[in-house]
Amino acid sequence: MGYRTLTIAVLLIAGTTLMAEPKKVLELKDHYAEVNGVRLHYVSAGKGPLIVFLHGFPEFWYEWKNQLAVFGQDHLAVAPDMRGYNLSAKPAEVDQYQMKYLIEDVRALAVHLGHKKFTLVAHDWGGAVAWALASAHPELIEKLVIVNAPHPAVFARLLREDPKQQQASQYMLMFRSPQAEAALSASHYALLDNIVLGPGLKNGFFNEDDQKAYIEAWSQPGALTGGLNYYRAAQVGPPPPASGASAGGASSGNFGVDPAKLTVSVPTLVIWGEKDTALLTENLDGLDQFVPKLTIKRIPDGTHWVIHEKPDEVNDYIREFIRK
């Protein structure tokens, strides 16, 4: 499926969603920006105050297609392919995926778009970048919304001390290994397809067009390696099995960021699907120590993919929060 076909499909989705409101159907536009030494692809809708959506692994801008349609009604809604993904640049060197470069990509993109301040919404690895950006540059962030992405300091503690989170995070060691690309791309990306798309295809919140879009994005030359390099650059994960549960220092768990510098002073909403089997609800415990202006919304029957499973509920929480 080509990008033009993807755009048409998203417009149809937007039209279906918005007819009930009723509101105008927005055109989703794709763009490229040369920022921070890389070429980033991004998709936008609407105009007004800037709201930026950051995807996680192994997704791409398309994760936020429904949110672009909704929030583009009264914002300039922008969803980039982060570096390493889909149509954005894919630096070959692992160290080019260090957190300092990832947060500068987002800051530079906002400057490119002509905005000094914006609302930031992020999931999974996008959330790790968002936590770091909000702590490093609070002057840029109007409000922060995090969906199923652990705060680095809390996550580091769990990786050191919590056997359940250590066990749940074992996949990170595989993602950092040299064998990761072969394992994840085998049989036409069967493992990724099953993890990300399988439940959605079964339950009706993904369709065959979505499946084709994801496989096309994963198939972009270098894209799978680009996404995996986030894990490799940060060296994030549980202690290797040989070191035992007490050797939490073997992997930082901080996504490459000093936890002492991770207080987030901006108003923050955290939405958490409580059935996430990779990032456990214990990541919410003690979060208020690092985020003084914190609101938490739990979705009991949501998983790690709650954005896709419960888009209306997620959108309502975001809308309520940014209107306050």
C-alpha atoms as a PDB file:
ATOM      1  CA  MET A   1       0.000   0.000   0.000  1.00  0.00           C
ATOM      2  CA  GLY A   2       1.485   3.351  -1.040  1.00  0.00           C
ATOM      3  CA  TYR A   3       1.345   6.517   1.028  1.00  0.00           C
ATOM      4  CA  ARG A   4      -1.339   8.070  -1.171  1.00  0.00           C
ATOM      5  CA  THR A   5      -3.579   5.071  -0.540  1.00  0.00           C
ATOM      6  CA  LEU A   6      -2.832   5.318   3.185  1.00  0.00           C
ATOM      7  CA  THR A   7      -3.909   8.959   3.186  1.00  0.00           C
ATOM      8  CA  ILE A   8      -7.180   8.159   1.462  1.00  0.00           C
ATOM      9  CA  ALA A   9      -7.843   5.365   3.946  1.00  0.00           C
ATOM     10  CA  VAL A  10      -7.226   7.713   6.870  1.00  0.00           C
ATOM     11  CA  LEU A  11      -9.521  10.332   5.387  1.00  0.00           C
ATOM     12  CA  LEU A  12     -12.271   7.756   5.144  1.00  0.00           C
ATOM     13  CA  ILE A  13     -11.688   6.825   8.782  1.00  0.00           C
ATOM     14  CA  ALA A  14     -11.752  10.496   9.752  1.00  0.00           C
ATOM     15  CA  GLY A  15     -14.941  11.054   7.815  1.00  0.00           C
ATOM     16  CA  THR A  16     -16.637   8.098   9.493  1.00  0.00           C
ATOM     17  CA  THR A  17     -15.526   9.282  12.907  1.00  0.00           C
ATOM     18  CA  LEU A  18     -16.477  12.904  12.477  1.00  0.00           C
ATOM     19  CA  MET A  19     -19.819  12.610  10.708  1.00  0.00           C
ATOM     20  CA  ALA A  20     -21.510  11.838  14.015  1.00  0.00           C
ATOM     21  CA  GLU A  21     -20.245  15.066  15.607  1.00  0.00           C
ATOM     22  CA  PRO A  22     -20.820  16.642  12.915  1.00  0.00           C
ATOM     23  CA  LYS A  23     -17.563  18.371  11.975  1.00  0.00           C
ATOM     24  CA  LYS A  24     -15.519  18.941   8.874  1.00  0.00           C
ATOM     25  CA  VAL A  25     -13.453  16.110   7.442  1.00  0.00           C
ATOM     26  CA  LEU A  26      -9.805  17.059   7.643  1.00  0.00           C
ATOM     27  CA  GLU A  27      -7.171  16.468   5.032  1.00  0.00           C
ATOM     28  CA  LEU A  28      -4.106  14.702   6.395  1.00  0.00           C
ATOM     29  CA  LYS A  29      -0.974  16.114   4.799  1.00  0.00           C
ATOM     30  CA  ASP A  30       2.481  14.581   4.700  1.00  0.00           C
ATOM     31  CA  HIS A  31       5.642  16.684   4.937  1.00  0.00           C
ATOM     32  CA  TYR A  32       9.395  16.423   5.377  1.00  0.00           C
ATOM     33  CA  ALA A  33      11.574  18.606   7.577  1.00  0.00           C
ATOM     34  CA  GLU A  34      15.373  18.841   7.778  1.00  0.00           C
ATOM     35  CA  VAL A  35      15.950  19.220  11.510  1.00  0.00           C
ATOM     36  CA  ASN A  36      18.813  18.355  13.855  1.00  0.00           C
ATOM     37  CA  GLY A  37      20.821  16.880  10.989  1.00  0.00           C
ATOM     38  CA  VAL A  38      18.155  14.355   9.929  1.00  0.00           C
ATOM     39  CA  ARG A  39      15.194  14.323   7.582  1.00  0.00           C
ATOM     40  CA  LEU A  40      11.941  13.671   9.438  1.00  0.00           C
ATOM     41  CA  HIS A  41       8.677  12.718   7.817  1.00  0.00           C
ATOM     42  CA  TYR A  42       5.512  13.878   9.548  1.00  0.00           C
ATOM     43  CA  VAL A  43       1.777  14.029   8.960  1.00  0.00           C
ATOM     44  CA  SER A  44      -0.365  16.984   9.977  1.00  0.00           C
ATOM     45  CA  ALA A  45      -4.012  17.998  10.185  1.00  0.00           C
ATOM     46  CA  GLY A  46      -5.750  21.275  10.987  1.00  0.00           C
ATOM     47  CA  LYS A  47      -4.344  24.528  12.301  1.00  0.00           C
ATOM     48  CA  GLY A  48      -4.063  26.348  15.585  1.00  0.00           C
ATOM     49  CA  PRO A  49      -2.055  25.601  18.727  1.00  0.00           C
ATOM     50  CA  LEU A  50       0.460  22.824  18.155  1.00  0.00           C
ATOM     51  CA  ILE A  51      -0.127  19.328  19.522  1.00  0.00           C
ATOM     52  CA  VAL A  52       2.534  16.716  18.738  1.00  0.00           C
ATOM     53  CA  PHE A  53       2.014  12.940  18.921  1.00  0.00           C
ATOM     54  CA  LEU A  54       5.013  10.615  19.362  1.00  0.00           C
ATOM     55  CA  HIS A  55       4.672   6.920  18.533  1.00  0.00           C
ATOM     56  CA  GLY A  56       6.397   3.941  20.124  1.00  0.00           C
ATOM     57  CA  PHE A  57       7.978   0.701  18.935  1.00  0.00           C
ATOM     58  CA  PRO A  58       7.173  -0.811  16.489  1.00  0.00           C
ATOM     59  CA  GLU A  59       4.676   1.772  15.260  1.00  0.00           C
ATOM     60  CA  PHE A  60       4.965   4.962  13.184  1.00  0.00           C
ATOM     61  CA  TRP A  61       2.936   8.121  12.605  1.00  0.00           C
ATOM     62  CA  TYR A  62      -0.081   5.988  11.640  1.00  0.00           C
ATOM     63  CA  GLU A  63      -0.555   5.027  15.293  1.00  0.00           C
ATOM     64  CA  TRP A  64      -2.162   8.439  15.765  1.00  0.00           C
ATOM     65  CA  LYS A  65      -4.356   8.648  12.657  1.00  0.00           C
ATOM     66  CA  ASN A  66      -7.567   8.812  14.689  1.00  0.00           C
ATOM     67  CA  GLN A  67      -6.148  11.478  17.012  1.00  0.00           C
ATOM     68  CA  LEU A  68      -5.025  13.614  14.077  1.00  0.00           C
ATOM     69  CA  ALA A  69      -8.588  13.592  12.769  1.00  0.00           C
ATOM     70  CA  VAL A  70     -10.033  14.567  16.153  1.00  0.00           C
ATOM     71  CA  PHE A  71      -7.526  17.086  17.504  1.00  0.00           C
ATOM     72  CA  GLY A  72      -6.900  18.660  14.112  1.00  0.00           C
ATOM     73  CA  GLN A  73     -10.361  20.206  14.492  1.00  0.00           C
ATOM     74  CA  ASP A  74      -8.916  22.932  16.724  1.00  0.00           C
ATOM     75  CA  HIS A  75      -5.149  22.345  16.712  1.00  0.00           C
ATOM     76  CA  LEU A  76      -2.280  21.885  14.337  1.00  0.00           C
ATOM     77  CA  ALA A  77      -1.997  18.157  15.043  1.00  0.00           C
ATOM     78  CA  VAL A  78       1.334  16.637  14.008  1.00  0.00           C
ATOM     79  CA  ALA A  79       2.552  13.036  14.154  1.00  0.00           C
ATOM     80  CA  PRO A  80       6.157  12.450  13.008  1.00  0.00           C
ATOM     81  CA  ASP A  81       7.868   9.251  12.067  1.00  0.00           C
ATOM     82  CA  MET A  82      10.611   9.403  14.685  1.00  0.00           C
ATOM     83  CA  ARG A  83      14.187   8.968  13.470  1.00  0.00           C
ATOM     84  CA  GLY A  84      14.812   5.379  12.430  1.00  0.00           C
ATOM     85  CA  TYR A  85      11.202   4.702  11.472  1.00  0.00           C
ATOM     86  CA  ASN A  86       9.210   4.381   8.250  1.00  0.00           C
ATOM     87  CA  LEU A  87       9.929   7.384   5.987  1.00  0.00           C
ATOM     88  CA  SER A  88      12.254   9.337   8.302  1.00  0.00           C
ATOM     89  CA  ALA A  89      16.061   9.180   8.192  1.00  0.00           C
ATOM     90  CA  LYS A  90      17.689   6.102   9.698  1.00  0.00           C
ATOM     91  CA  PRO A  91      21.205   6.848  10.954  1.00  0.00           C
ATOM     92  CA  ALA A  92      23.369   3.737  10.864  1.00  0.00           C
ATOM     93  CA  GLU A  93      25.295   4.414  14.080  1.00  0.00           C
ATOM     94  CA  VAL A  94      23.660   3.176  17.292  1.00  0.00           C
ATOM     95  CA  ASP A  95      24.860   6.208  19.242  1.00  0.00           C
ATOM     96  CA  GLN A  96      22.737   8.444  16.975  1.00  0.00           C
ATOM     97  CA  TYR A  97      19.717   7.098  18.873  1.00  0.00           C
ATOM     98  CA  GLN A  98      20.822   8.445  22.237  1.00  0.00           C
ATOM     99  CA  MET A  99      18.169  10.367  24.111  1.00  0.00           C
ATOM    100  CA  LYS A 100      19.865  13.732  23.624  1.00  0.00           C
ATOM    101  CA  TYR A 101      19.355  13.415  19.855  1.00  0.00           C
ATOM    102  CA  LEU A 102      15.777  12.143  20.143  1.00  0.00           C
ATOM    103  CA  ILE A 103      14.586  15.035  22.284  1.00  0.00           C
ATOM    104  CA  GLU A 104      16.386  17.549  20.059  1.00  0.00           C
ATOM    105  CA  ASP A 105      14.541  16.118  17.029  1.00  0.00           C
ATOM    106  CA  VAL A 106      11.220  17.000  18.653  1.00  0.00           C
ATOM    107  CA  ARG A 107      12.347  20.412  19.843  1.00  0.00           C
ATOM    108  CA  ALA A 108      13.739  21.261  16.406  1.00  0.00           C
ATOM    109  CA  LEU A 109      10.564  20.050  14.687  1.00  0.00           C
ATOM    110  CA  ALA A 110       8.468  22.413  16.831  1.00  0.00           C
ATOM    111  CA  VAL A 111      10.776  25.279  15.891  1.00  0.00           C
ATOM    112  CA  HIS A 112      10.459  24.294  12.228  1.00  0.00           C
ATOM    113  CA  LEU A 113       6.675  24.454  12.630  1.00  0.00           C
ATOM    114  CA  GLY A 114       6.932  27.952  14.107  1.00  0.00           C
ATOM    115  CA  HIS A 115       5.799  27.177  17.641  1.00  0.00           C
ATOM    116  CA  LYS A 116       7.595  28.070  20.865  1.00  0.00           C
ATOM    117  CA  LYS A 117       5.269  25.973  23.037  1.00  0.00           C
ATOM    118  CA  PHE A 118       3.107  22.922  22.417  1.00  0.00           C
ATOM    119  CA  THR A 119       1.155  20.052  23.926  1.00  0.00           C
ATOM    120  CA  LEU A 120       2.954  16.727  23.725  1.00  0.00           C
ATOM    121  CA  VAL A 121       1.193  13.344  23.616  1.00  0.00           C
ATOM    122  CA  ALA A 122       3.260  10.164  23.544  1.00  0.00           C
ATOM    123  CA  HIS A 123       3.140   6.376  23.867  1.00  0.00           C
ATOM    124  CA  ASP A 124       5.754   3.711  24.626  1.00  0.00           C
ATOM    125  CA  TRP A 125       9.208   4.830  23.337  1.00  0.00           C
ATOM    126  CA  GLY A 126       7.673   8.124  22.303  1.00  0.00           C
ATOM    127  CA  GLY A 127       6.736   8.471  25.968  1.00  0.00           C
ATOM    128  CA  ALA A 128      10.337   7.928  27.056  1.00  0.00           C
ATOM    129  CA  VAL A 129      11.365  10.774  24.753  1.00  0.00           C
ATOM    130  CA  ALA A 130       8.500  12.921  26.019  1.00  0.00           C
ATOM    131  CA  TRP A 131       9.434  12.411  29.689  1.00  0.00           C
ATOM    132  CA  ALA A 132      13.020  13.424  28.909  1.00  0.00           C
ATOM    133  CA  LEU A 133      12.024  16.435  26.810  1.00  0.00           C
ATOM    134  CA  ALA A 134       9.566  17.729  29.418  1.00  0.00           C
ATOM    135  CA  SER A 135      12.184  17.476  32.180  1.00  0.00           C
ATOM    136  CA  ALA A 136      14.961  19.050  30.087  1.00  0.00           C
ATOM    137  CA  HIS A 137      12.852  21.787  28.444  1.00  0.00           C
ATOM    138  CA  PRO A 138       9.729  22.497  30.534  1.00  0.00           C
ATOM    139  CA  GLU A 139       9.468  25.914  28.906  1.00  0.00           C
ATOM    140  CA  LEU A 140       8.477  24.205  25.641  1.00  0.00           C
ATOM    141  CA  ILE A 141       5.659  22.036  26.945  1.00  0.00           C
ATOM    142  CA  GLU A 142       2.196  23.441  27.570  1.00  0.00           C
ATOM    143  CA  LYS A 143       0.881  20.095  28.784  1.00  0.00           C
ATOM    144  CA  LEU A 144       2.192  16.543  28.688  1.00  0.00           C
ATOM    145  CA  VAL A 145       0.140  13.406  28.024  1.00  0.00           C
ATOM    146  CA  ILE A 146       1.751   9.993  28.476  1.00  0.00           C
ATOM    147  CA  VAL A 147       0.102   6.708  27.448  1.00  0.00           C
ATOM    148  CA  ASN A 148       1.599   3.466  28.820  1.00  0.00           C
ATOM    149  CA  ALA A 149       5.167   4.716  28.982  1.00  0.00           C
ATOM    150  CA  PRO A 150       7.037   4.460  32.290  1.00  0.00           C
ATOM    151  CA  HIS A 151       8.820   7.361  33.882  1.00  0.00           C
ATOM    152  CA  PRO A 152      12.536   6.491  33.570  1.00  0.00           C
ATOM    153  CA  ALA A 153      13.318   6.868  37.279  1.00  0.00           C
ATOM    154  CA  VAL A 154      10.382   4.706  38.369  1.00  0.00           C
ATOM    155  CA  PHE A 155      11.171   2.133  35.694  1.00  0.00           C
ATOM    156  CA  ALA A 156      14.817   1.997  36.766  1.00  0.00           C
ATOM    157  CA  ARG A 157      13.740   1.212  40.324  1.00  0.00           C
ATOM    158  CA  LEU A 158      11.444  -1.571  39.162  1.00  0.00           C
ATOM    159  CA  LEU A 159      14.139  -3.089  36.956  1.00  0.00           C
ATOM    160  CA  ARG A 160      16.455  -3.154  39.973  1.00  0.00           C
ATOM    161  CA  GLU A 161      13.992  -4.340  42.588  1.00  0.00           C
ATOM    162  CA  ASP A 162      10.792  -5.827  41.149  1.00  0.00           C
ATOM    163  CA  PRO A 163      10.997  -9.435  39.898  1.00  0.00           C
ATOM    164  CA  LYS A 164       7.667  -9.110  38.061  1.00  0.00           C
ATOM    165  CA  GLN A 165       8.822  -6.143  35.984  1.00  0.00           C
ATOM    166  CA  GLN A 166      12.200  -7.799  35.436  1.00  0.00           C
ATOM    167  CA  GLN A 167      10.429 -10.834  34.024  1.00  0.00           C
ATOM    168  CA  ALA A 168       8.035  -8.733  31.944  1.00  0.00           C
ATOM    169  CA  SER A 169      10.987  -6.850  30.426  1.00  0.00           C
ATOM    170  CA  GLN A 170      12.986  -9.866  29.247  1.00  0.00           C
ATOM    171  CA  TYR A 171      11.999  -9.089  25.663  1.00  0.00           C
ATOM    172  CA  MET A 172      14.193  -5.980  25.843  1.00  0.00           C
ATOM    173  CA  LEU A 173      17.302  -8.137  26.049  1.00  0.00           C
ATOM    174  CA  MET A 174      16.269  -9.909  22.865  1.00  0.00           C
ATOM    175  CA  PHE A 175      15.537  -6.581  21.159  1.00  0.00           C
ATOM    176  CA  ARG A 176      19.090  -5.440  21.964  1.00  0.00           C
ATOM    177  CA  SER A 177      20.668  -8.622  20.621  1.00  0.00           C
ATOM    178  CA  PRO A 178      22.212  -9.035  17.131  1.00  0.00           C
ATOM    179  CA  GLN A 179      19.548 -11.659  16.394  1.00  0.00           C
ATOM    180  CA  ALA A 180      16.611  -9.283  16.886  1.00  0.00           C
ATOM    181  CA  GLU A 181      16.127  -8.239  13.258  1.00  0.00           C
ATOM    182  CA  ALA A 182      16.050 -11.829  12.018  1.00  0.00           C
ATOM    183  CA  ALA A 183      13.630 -12.943  14.734  1.00  0.00           C
ATOM    184  CA  LEU A 184      11.212 -10.055  14.238  1.00  0.00           C
ATOM    185  CA  SER A 185      11.226 -10.088  10.425  1.00  0.00           C
ATOM    186  CA  ALA A 186      10.918 -13.865  10.003  1.00  0.00           C
ATOM    187  CA  SER A 187       7.891 -15.148   8.061  1.00  0.00           C
ATOM    188  CA  HIS A 188       6.946 -11.683   6.838  1.00  0.00           C
ATOM    189  CA  TYR A 189       7.105 -10.048  10.277  1.00  0.00           C
ATOM    190  CA  ALA A 190       4.902 -12.737  11.832  1.00  0.00           C
ATOM    191  CA  LEU A 191       5.983 -12.038  15.420  1.00  0.00           C
ATOM    192  CA  LEU A 192       5.401  -8.282  15.218  1.00  0.00           C
ATOM    193  CA  ASP A 193       2.161  -8.876  13.335  1.00  0.00           C
ATOM    194  CA  ASN A 194       0.933 -11.176  16.088  1.00  0.00           C
ATOM    195  CA  ILE A 195       1.966  -8.868  18.948  1.00  0.00           C
ATOM    196  CA  VAL A 196       0.736  -5.566  17.538  1.00  0.00           C
ATOM    197  CA  LEU A 197      -1.991  -6.402  15.055  1.00  0.00           C
ATOM    198  CA  GLY A 198      -3.262  -9.849  16.053  1.00  0.00           C
ATOM    199  CA  PRO A 199      -5.640  -8.798  18.855  1.00  0.00           C
ATOM    200  CA  GLY A 200      -6.884  -5.837  16.821  1.00  0.00           C
ATOM    201  CA  LEU A 201      -7.639  -7.920  13.740  1.00  0.00           C
ATOM    202  CA  LYS A 202      -9.495 -10.398  15.929  1.00  0.00           C
ATOM    203  CA  ASN A 203     -11.472  -7.736  17.805  1.00  0.00           C
ATOM    204  CA  GLY A 204     -12.153  -5.370  14.927  1.00  0.00           C
ATOM    205  CA  PHE A 205     -10.061  -2.298  15.741  1.00  0.00           C
ATOM    206  CA  PHE A 206      -7.536  -3.156  13.007  1.00  0.00           C
ATOM    207  CA  ASN A 207      -8.357  -4.229   9.460  1.00  0.00           C
ATOM    208  CA  GLU A 208      -6.399  -5.576   6.518  1.00  0.00           C
ATOM    209  CA  ASP A 209      -5.510  -2.079   5.309  1.00  0.00           C
ATOM    210  CA  ASP A 210      -3.973  -1.336   8.710  1.00  0.00           C
ATOM    211  CA  GLN A 211      -2.030  -4.587   8.535  1.00  0.00           C
ATOM    212  CA  LYS A 212      -0.663  -3.707   5.095  1.00  0.00           C
ATOM    213  CA  ALA A 213       0.320  -0.235   6.310  1.00  0.00           C
ATOM    214  CA  TYR A 214       2.291  -1.595   9.260  1.00  0.00           C
ATOM    215  CA  ILE A 215       4.064  -4.254   7.227  1.00  0.00           C
ATOM    216  CA  GLU A 216       4.985  -1.664   4.622  1.00  0.00           C
ATOM    217  CA  ALA A 217       6.429   0.576   7.349  1.00  0.00           C
ATOM    218  CA  TRP A 218       8.401  -2.308   8.906  1.00  0.00           C
ATOM    219  CA  SER A 219       9.693  -3.226   5.439  1.00  0.00           C
ATOM    220  CA  GLN A 220      11.260   0.172   4.760  1.00  0.00           C
ATOM    221  CA  PRO A 221      15.039  -0.385   4.390  1.00  0.00           C
ATOM    222  CA  GLY A 222      16.664  -0.007   7.793  1.00  0.00           C
ATOM    223  CA  ALA A 223      13.424   0.688   9.652  1.00  0.00           C
ATOM    224  CA  LEU A 224      13.439  -2.371  11.874  1.00  0.00           C
ATOM    225  CA  THR A 225      17.049  -1.755  12.882  1.00  0.00           C
ATOM    226  CA  GLY A 226      16.275   1.914  13.482  1.00  0.00           C
ATOM    227  CA  GLY A 227      13.541   1.085  15.966  1.00  0.00           C
ATOM    228  CA  LEU A 228      15.636  -1.544  17.745  1.00  0.00           C
ATOM    229  CA  ASN A 229      18.517   0.902  18.056  1.00  0.00           C
ATOM    230  CA  TYR A 230      16.485   2.847  20.630  1.00  0.00           C
ATOM    231  CA  TYR A 231      16.870  -0.131  22.973  1.00  0.00           C
ATOM    232  CA  ARG A 232      20.524  -0.619  22.064  1.00  0.00           C
ATOM    233  CA  ALA A 233      21.517   3.011  22.527  1.00  0.00           C
ATOM    234  CA  ALA A 234      19.797   3.253  25.914  1.00  0.00           C
ATOM    235  CA  GLN A 235      20.941  -0.209  27.056  1.00  0.00           C
ATOM    236  CA  VAL A 236      17.573  -0.439  28.771  1.00  0.00           C
ATOM    237  CA  GLY A 237      16.283  -3.697  30.192  1.00  0.00           C
ATOM    238  CA  PRO A 238      16.403  -6.080  33.149  1.00  0.00           C
ATOM    239  CA  PRO A 239      19.597  -7.617  34.494  1.00  0.00           C
ATOM    240  CA  PRO A 240      20.894 -10.359  32.180  1.00  0.00           C
ATOM    241  CA  PRO A 241      19.897 -13.804  33.520  1.00  0.00           C
ATOM    242  CA  ALA A 242      23.443 -14.724  34.554  1.00  0.00           C
ATOM    243  CA  SER A 243      23.768 -11.662  36.770  1.00  0.00           C
ATOM    244  CA  GLY A 244      20.735 -12.451  38.924  1.00  0.00           C
ATOM    245  CA  ALA A 245      17.888 -10.199  40.004  1.00  0.00           C
ATOM    246  CA  SER A 246      20.068  -8.315  42.464  1.00  0.00           C
ATOM    247  CA  ALA A 247      22.394  -6.977  39.753  1.00  0.00           C
ATOM    248  CA  GLY A 248      20.052  -4.317  38.512  1.00  0.00           C
ATOM    249  CA  GLY A 249      22.919  -2.018  37.663  1.00  0.00           C
ATOM    250  CA  ALA A 250      23.739  -4.131  34.614  1.00  0.00           C
ATOM    251  CA  SER A 251      21.176  -2.165  32.623  1.00  0.00           C
ATOM    252  CA  SER A 252      20.317   1.407  33.460  1.00  0.00           C
ATOM    253  CA  GLY A 253      16.573   1.324  32.904  1.00  0.00           C
ATOM    254  CA  ASN A 254      16.804   5.110  32.551  1.00  0.00           C
ATOM    255  CA  PHE A 255      16.529   5.265  28.761  1.00  0.00           C
ATOM    256  CA  GLY A 256      19.908   7.001  28.816  1.00  0.00           C
ATOM    257  CA  VAL A 257      18.761   9.840  31.091  1.00  0.00           C
ATOM    258  CA  ASP A 258      20.011  10.758  34.562  1.00  0.00           C
ATOM    259  CA  PRO A 259      17.067   9.991  36.909  1.00  0.00           C
ATOM    260  CA  ALA A 260      18.160  12.807  39.230  1.00  0.00           C
ATOM    261  CA  LYS A 261      17.226  15.243  36.448  1.00  0.00           C
ATOM    262  CA  LEU A 262      13.828  13.765  35.685  1.00  0.00           C
ATOM    263  CA  THR A 263      11.450  15.895  37.692  1.00  0.00           C
ATOM    264  CA  VAL A 264       8.673  16.990  35.342  1.00  0.00           C
ATOM    265  CA  SER A 265       7.162  20.307  36.409  1.00  0.00           C
ATOM    266  CA  VAL A 266       4.572  20.728  33.638  1.00  0.00           C
ATOM    267  CA  PRO A 267       0.944  19.582  34.051  1.00  0.00           C
ATOM    268  CA  THR A 268       0.943  15.894  33.129  1.00  0.00           C
ATOM    269  CA  LEU A 269      -1.764  13.358  32.352  1.00  0.00           C
ATOM    270  CA  VAL A 270      -0.838   9.678  32.430  1.00  0.00           C
ATOM    271  CA  ILE A 271      -3.282   7.245  30.782  1.00  0.00           C
ATOM    272  CA  TRP A 272      -2.603   3.602  31.565  1.00  0.00           C
ATOM    273  CA  GLY A 273      -4.125   0.443  30.154  1.00  0.00           C
ATOM    274  CA  GLU A 274      -3.944  -1.785  33.203  1.00  0.00           C
ATOM    275  CA  LYS A 275      -3.710  -5.053  31.260  1.00  0.00           C
ATOM    276  CA  ASP A 276      -0.322  -4.094  29.815  1.00  0.00           C
ATOM    277  CA  THR A 277       1.779  -7.245  30.251  1.00  0.00           C
ATOM    278  CA  ALA A 278       5.093  -5.555  29.369  1.00  0.00           C
ATOM    279  CA  LEU A 279       4.863  -2.374  31.450  1.00  0.00           C
ATOM    280  CA  LEU A 280       3.117  -3.162  34.711  1.00  0.00           C
ATOM    281  CA  THR A 281       0.840  -0.864  36.717  1.00  0.00           C
ATOM    282  CA  GLU A 282       3.533  -0.656  39.414  1.00  0.00           C
ATOM    283  CA  ASN A 283       5.067   1.979  37.127  1.00  0.00           C
ATOM    284  CA  LEU A 284       2.431   4.336  38.524  1.00  0.00           C
ATOM    285  CA  ASP A 285       3.542   3.820  42.137  1.00  0.00           C
ATOM    286  CA  GLY A 286       5.579   6.763  43.376  1.00  0.00           C
ATOM    287  CA  LEU A 287       5.201   8.652  40.118  1.00  0.00           C
ATOM    288  CA  ASP A 288       3.963  11.739  41.951  1.00  0.00           C
ATOM    289  CA  GLN A 289       7.429  12.115  43.521  1.00  0.00           C
ATOM    290  CA  PHE A 290       8.746  13.076  40.097  1.00  0.00           C
ATOM    291  CA  VAL A 291       5.617  14.709  38.643  1.00  0.00           C
ATOM    292  CA  PRO A 292       4.042  17.188  41.083  1.00  0.00           C
ATOM    293  CA  LYS A 293       1.217  18.236  38.720  1.00  0.00           C
ATOM    294  CA  LEU A 294       0.027  14.722  37.974  1.00  0.00           C
ATOM    295  CA  THR A 295      -3.319  13.328  36.818  1.00  0.00           C
ATOM    296  CA  ILE A 296      -3.693   9.568  36.303  1.00  0.00           C
ATOM    297  CA  LYS A 297      -6.483   7.889  34.336  1.00  0.00           C
ATOM    298  CA  ARG A 298      -6.556   4.094  34.463  1.00  0.00           C
ATOM    299  CA  ILE A 299      -8.328   2.025  31.821  1.00  0.00           C
ATOM    300  CA  PRO A 300      -8.880  -1.358  33.491  1.00  0.00           C
ATOM    301  CA  ASP A 301      -9.563  -3.358  30.314  1.00  0.00           C
ATOM    302  CA  GLY A 302      -6.928  -1.628  28.168  1.00  0.00           C
ATOM    303  CA  THR A 303      -3.620  -3.239  27.216  1.00  0.00           C
ATOM    304  CA  HIS A 304      -0.386  -1.679  25.978  1.00  0.00           C
ATOM    305  CA  TRP A 305      -2.295  -0.919  22.771  1.00  0.00           C
ATOM    306  CA  VAL A 306      -5.054   1.035  24.521  1.00  0.00           C
ATOM    307  CA  ILE A 307      -4.785   3.858  21.967  1.00  0.00           C
ATOM    308  CA  HIS A 308      -6.175   1.491  19.344  1.00  0.00           C
ATOM    309  CA  GLU A 309      -8.529  -0.427  21.617  1.00  0.00           C
ATOM    310  CA  LYS A 310     -10.189   2.554  23.287  1.00  0.00           C
ATOM    311  CA  PRO A 311      -9.619   5.572  21.031  1.00  0.00           C
ATOM    312  CA  ASP A 312     -12.739   7.459  22.137  1.00  0.00           C
ATOM    313  CA  GLU A 313     -11.946   7.029  25.831  1.00  0.00           C
ATOM    314  CA  VAL A 314      -8.315   8.042  25.321  1.00  0.00           C
ATOM    315  CA  ASN A 315      -9.377  11.055  23.241  1.00  0.00           C
ATOM    316  CA  ASP A 316     -11.914  12.154  25.853  1.00  0.00           C
ATOM    317  CA  TYR A 317      -9.309  12.052  28.600  1.00  0.00           C
ATOM    318  CA  ILE A 318      -6.860  14.059  26.492  1.00  0.00           C
ATOM    319  CA  ARG A 319      -9.493  16.585  25.470  1.00  0.00           C
ATOM    320  CA  GLU A 320     -10.671  17.104  29.060  1.00  0.00           C
ATOM    321  CA  PHE A 321      -7.104  17.567  30.251  1.00  0.00           C
ATOM    322  CA  ILE A 322      -5.999  20.105  27.660  1.00  0.00           C
ATOM    323  CA  ARG A 323      -9.198  22.137  28.133  1.00  0.00           C
ATOM    324  CA  LYS A 324      -8.560  22.663  31.864  1.00  0.00           C
END
